[in-house]
Amino acid sequence: MAELKKWHELPIAGLIVEPGTARKYRTGDWRVKRPVYDRSKCIDCMFCWFYCPDQAIIQEKGVMKGIDYFYCKGCGVCANVCPKSAIEMRPETEFVGKED
């Protein structure tokens, strides 16, 4: 069993000891709801991209290209800020067994 650290040996809370480690983890597996994107309704306002806390919106030169489900946690912010309802939150159970 590993020896427990004393309080003064612990890193300060919120300290990033190794930058960029979030890229190592498939945080999209946490989702219970999935944002589904309808290109026909999108006006490329990029509100979804701007407000996404996980940088899961894929865009190229100001044009919405899709959603990176590898990192999307399903918070629904993108659907809530979309002025044209081009993103709809749907239960993840509808996608079980289907590839992203």
Protein backbone atom coordinates (compact mmCIF):
# COMPACT_ATOMS: atom_id res chain seq x y z
CA MET A 1 0.00 0.00 0.00
CA ALA A 2 1.26 3.46 -0.92
CA GLU A 3 2.20 5.73 1.93
CA LEU A 4 -0.24 8.60 2.45
CA LYS A 5 1.07 12.11 1.93
CA LYS A 6 1.07 14.63 4.70
CA TRP A 7 -1.02 17.83 4.22
CA HIS A 8 2.02 19.97 3.34
CA GLU A 9 3.08 17.47 0.63
CA LEU A 10 -0.19 17.77 -1.31
CA PRO A 11 -0.36 20.06 -4.37
CA ILE A 12 -2.34 23.29 -4.00
CA ALA A 13 -5.97 22.85 -5.11
CA GLY A 14 -6.61 23.81 -8.70
CA LEU A 15 -2.94 23.48 -9.60
CA ILE A 16 -2.35 22.06 -13.06
CA VAL A 17 0.69 19.84 -12.64
CA GLU A 18 0.65 18.53 -16.22
CA PRO A 19 -1.00 20.82 -18.80
CA GLY A 20 -3.08 19.33 -21.59
CA THR A 21 -4.07 16.17 -19.74
CA ALA A 22 -7.79 16.61 -20.48
CA ARG A 23 -7.07 15.53 -24.07
CA LYS A 24 -6.16 12.06 -22.73
CA TYR A 25 -9.65 11.31 -21.42
CA ARG A 26 -12.84 10.46 -23.31
CA THR A 27 -15.03 12.77 -21.24
CA GLY A 28 -17.90 12.38 -23.71
CA ASP A 29 -18.63 9.02 -22.10
CA TRP A 30 -20.17 10.96 -19.19
CA ARG A 31 -23.10 12.13 -21.34
CA VAL A 32 -26.73 11.22 -20.64
CA LYS A 33 -28.05 13.57 -23.33
CA ARG A 34 -26.53 14.11 -26.76
CA PRO A 35 -26.72 17.30 -28.81
CA VAL A 36 -28.00 16.51 -32.30
CA TYR A 37 -27.14 19.08 -34.94
CA ASP A 38 -29.48 19.99 -37.84
CA ARG A 39 -27.43 21.75 -40.53
CA SER A 40 -30.56 22.92 -42.38
CA LYS A 41 -31.53 25.17 -39.44
CA CYS A 42 -28.03 26.51 -38.68
CA ILE A 43 -27.14 30.12 -39.52
CA ASP A 44 -23.48 29.79 -38.42
CA CYS A 45 -23.84 32.39 -35.66
CA MET A 46 -21.26 30.35 -33.71
CA PHE A 47 -22.97 30.96 -30.36
CA CYS A 48 -22.66 27.21 -29.71
CA TRP A 49 -18.91 27.31 -30.38
CA PHE A 50 -18.41 30.40 -28.22
CA TYR A 51 -20.35 29.10 -25.21
CA CYS A 52 -19.34 25.40 -25.29
CA PRO A 53 -17.35 24.77 -22.08
CA ASP A 54 -15.66 21.70 -23.58
CA GLN A 55 -14.63 23.10 -26.98
CA ALA A 56 -16.63 20.26 -28.54
CA ILE A 57 -18.08 22.31 -31.40
CA ILE A 58 -16.22 21.71 -34.64
CA GLN A 59 -16.01 24.78 -36.86
CA GLU A 60 -13.94 25.79 -39.81
CA LYS A 61 -13.58 29.44 -40.84
CA GLY A 62 -16.78 30.41 -39.00
CA VAL A 63 -18.87 27.54 -40.36
CA MET A 64 -20.33 24.94 -38.00
CA LYS A 65 -19.10 21.48 -39.05
CA GLY A 66 -20.42 19.29 -36.24
CA ILE A 67 -19.92 18.18 -32.66
CA ASP A 68 -16.95 16.30 -31.24
CA TYR A 69 -18.72 13.65 -29.17
CA PHE A 70 -15.36 12.45 -27.84
CA TYR A 71 -15.31 15.48 -25.50
CA CYS A 72 -18.95 16.68 -25.39
CA LYS A 73 -20.37 16.06 -21.91
CA GLY A 74 -23.96 16.78 -22.94
CA CYS A 75 -24.47 19.89 -20.81
CA GLY A 76 -26.91 21.38 -23.34
CA VAL A 77 -25.45 24.88 -23.38
CA CYS A 78 -25.14 24.74 -27.19
CA ALA A 79 -28.82 23.87 -27.59
CA ASN A 80 -29.86 26.57 -25.13
CA VAL A 81 -27.95 29.39 -26.85
CA CYS A 82 -28.86 28.43 -30.42
CA PRO A 83 -31.28 31.08 -31.77
CA LYS A 84 -32.61 28.74 -34.50
CA SER A 85 -32.98 25.51 -32.48
CA ALA A 86 -30.47 23.82 -34.78
CA ILE A 87 -29.23 21.71 -31.86
CA GLU A 88 -31.58 19.40 -29.99
CA MET A 89 -30.72 17.43 -26.85
CA ARG A 90 -31.74 13.77 -27.11
CA PRO A 91 -31.32 10.86 -24.66
CA GLU A 92 -28.02 9.04 -25.13
CA THR A 93 -29.93 5.75 -24.98
CA GLU A 94 -31.18 6.43 -28.52
CA PHE A 95 -27.59 6.04 -29.75
CA VAL A 96 -26.46 2.92 -27.89
CA GLY A 97 -24.53 0.69 -30.28
CA LYS A 98 -24.19 3.38 -32.94
CA GLU A 99 -20.87 5.03 -33.77
CA ASP A 100 -20.38 8.78 -33.20
